[in-house]
Amino acid sequence: MPEVKSMFREVLPKHGQLSMEDVPTMVLCKPKLLPLKSVTLEKLEKMQQEAQEAIRKQELAQKDQPESL
């Protein structure tokens, strides 16, 4: 393989210490806001609440009707 000559040449010090700092840093992303309840869960809760209200209305209607037995 032929060597590729670069424009820059590497310079190493002849006296002293050679140090290189390569500290990996964390990259923080924008936080994502998640809903506390999913849309499906909210729909299910609404359906359940409506069903309970319908049962209450039926029970009240039965109590209001005189027992004709």
C-alpha atoms as a PDB file:
ATOM      1  CA  MET A   1       0.000   0.000   0.000  1.00  0.00           C
ATOM      2  CA  PRO A   2       1.423   3.397  -0.840  1.00  0.00           C
ATOM      3  CA  GLU A   3       1.723   5.838   2.031  1.00  0.00           C
ATOM      4  CA  VAL A   4      -0.472   8.891   1.904  1.00  0.00           C
ATOM      5  CA  LYS A   5       1.381  12.091   2.705  1.00  0.00           C
ATOM      6  CA  SER A   6      -0.646  14.556   4.674  1.00  0.00           C
ATOM      7  CA  MET A   7      -0.370  18.313   4.755  1.00  0.00           C
ATOM      8  CA  PHE A   8       0.395  18.249   8.460  1.00  0.00           C
ATOM      9  CA  ARG A   9       3.345  16.532  10.000  1.00  0.00           C
ATOM     10  CA  GLU A  10       3.363  15.164  13.488  1.00  0.00           C
ATOM     11  CA  VAL A  11       5.581  17.003  15.968  1.00  0.00           C
ATOM     12  CA  LEU A  12       6.630  15.254  19.164  1.00  0.00           C
ATOM     13  CA  PRO A  13       8.429  17.187  21.913  1.00  0.00           C
ATOM     14  CA  LYS A  14      12.019  16.192  22.579  1.00  0.00           C
ATOM     15  CA  HIS A  15      12.028  17.521  26.161  1.00  0.00           C
ATOM     16  CA  GLY A  16       9.295  17.498  28.803  1.00  0.00           C
ATOM     17  CA  GLN A  17       6.093  15.549  29.035  1.00  0.00           C
ATOM     18  CA  LEU A  18       3.654  14.671  26.354  1.00  0.00           C
ATOM     19  CA  SER A  19       0.036  14.744  27.467  1.00  0.00           C
ATOM     20  CA  MET A  20      -3.170  14.370  25.604  1.00  0.00           C
ATOM     21  CA  GLU A  21      -6.594  15.139  26.987  1.00  0.00           C
ATOM     22  CA  ASP A  22      -9.378  13.131  25.459  1.00  0.00           C
ATOM     23  CA  VAL A  23     -12.168  13.290  27.995  1.00  0.00           C
ATOM     24  CA  PRO A  24     -15.472  11.925  26.734  1.00  0.00           C
ATOM     25  CA  THR A  25     -18.325  14.185  27.700  1.00  0.00           C
ATOM     26  CA  MET A  26     -22.002  13.433  27.889  1.00  0.00           C
ATOM     27  CA  VAL A  27     -24.309  15.091  25.410  1.00  0.00           C
ATOM     28  CA  LEU A  28     -27.620  15.927  27.020  1.00  0.00           C
ATOM     29  CA  CYS A  29     -30.739  15.747  24.905  1.00  0.00           C
ATOM     30  CA  LYS A  30     -33.866  17.787  25.299  1.00  0.00           C
ATOM     31  CA  PRO A  31     -36.142  16.059  27.838  1.00  0.00           C
ATOM     32  CA  LYS A  32     -39.247  14.413  26.459  1.00  0.00           C
ATOM     33  CA  LEU A  33     -42.470  15.004  28.325  1.00  0.00           C
ATOM     34  CA  LEU A  34     -44.540  11.870  28.647  1.00  0.00           C
ATOM     35  CA  PRO A  35     -48.206  11.930  29.590  1.00  0.00           C
ATOM     36  CA  LEU A  36     -49.052  10.536  33.002  1.00  0.00           C
ATOM     37  CA  LYS A  37     -51.963   8.628  31.499  1.00  0.00           C
ATOM     38  CA  SER A  38     -52.197   7.277  28.011  1.00  0.00           C
ATOM     39  CA  VAL A  39     -55.063   8.273  25.758  1.00  0.00           C
ATOM     40  CA  THR A  40     -56.361   4.698  25.783  1.00  0.00           C
ATOM     41  CA  LEU A  41     -56.365   4.575  29.579  1.00  0.00           C
ATOM     42  CA  GLU A  42     -58.269   7.865  29.740  1.00  0.00           C
ATOM     43  CA  LYS A  43     -60.877   6.503  27.294  1.00  0.00           C
ATOM     44  CA  LEU A  44     -61.273   3.325  29.342  1.00  0.00           C
ATOM     45  CA  GLU A  45     -61.691   5.305  32.560  1.00  0.00           C
ATOM     46  CA  LYS A  46     -64.287   7.535  30.915  1.00  0.00           C
ATOM     47  CA  MET A  47     -66.221   4.503  29.638  1.00  0.00           C
ATOM     48  CA  GLN A  48     -66.104   2.904  33.094  1.00  0.00           C
ATOM     49  CA  GLN A  49     -67.318   6.097  34.760  1.00  0.00           C
ATOM     50  CA  GLU A  50     -70.194   6.413  32.269  1.00  0.00           C
ATOM     51  CA  ALA A  51     -71.165   2.775  32.888  1.00  0.00           C
ATOM     52  CA  GLN A  52     -71.182   3.343  36.666  1.00  0.00           C
ATOM     53  CA  GLU A  53     -73.365   6.442  36.243  1.00  0.00           C
ATOM     54  CA  ALA A  54     -75.806   4.466  34.085  1.00  0.00           C
ATOM     55  CA  ILE A  55     -76.017   1.756  36.768  1.00  0.00           C
ATOM     56  CA  ARG A  56     -76.667   4.383  39.457  1.00  0.00           C
ATOM     57  CA  LYS A  57     -79.454   5.909  37.377  1.00  0.00           C
ATOM     58  CA  GLN A  58     -81.032   2.487  36.890  1.00  0.00           C
ATOM     59  CA  GLU A  59     -80.820   1.758  40.623  1.00  0.00           C
ATOM     60  CA  LEU A  60     -82.409   5.122  41.442  1.00  0.00           C
ATOM     61  CA  ALA A  61     -85.160   4.484  38.891  1.00  0.00           C
ATOM     62  CA  GLN A  62     -85.870   1.087  40.458  1.00  0.00           C
ATOM     63  CA  LYS A  63     -86.055   2.596  43.952  1.00  0.00           C
ATOM     64  CA  ASP A  64     -88.448   5.315  42.798  1.00  0.00           C
ATOM     65  CA  GLN A  65     -90.833   2.798  41.211  1.00  0.00           C
ATOM     66  CA  PRO A  66     -93.302   1.336  43.680  1.00  0.00           C
ATOM     67  CA  GLU A  67     -92.984  -2.372  44.124  1.00  0.00           C
ATOM     68  CA  SER A  68     -96.102  -3.920  42.627  1.00  0.00           C
ATOM     69  CA  LEU A  69     -95.697  -7.537  43.575  1.00  0.00           C
END
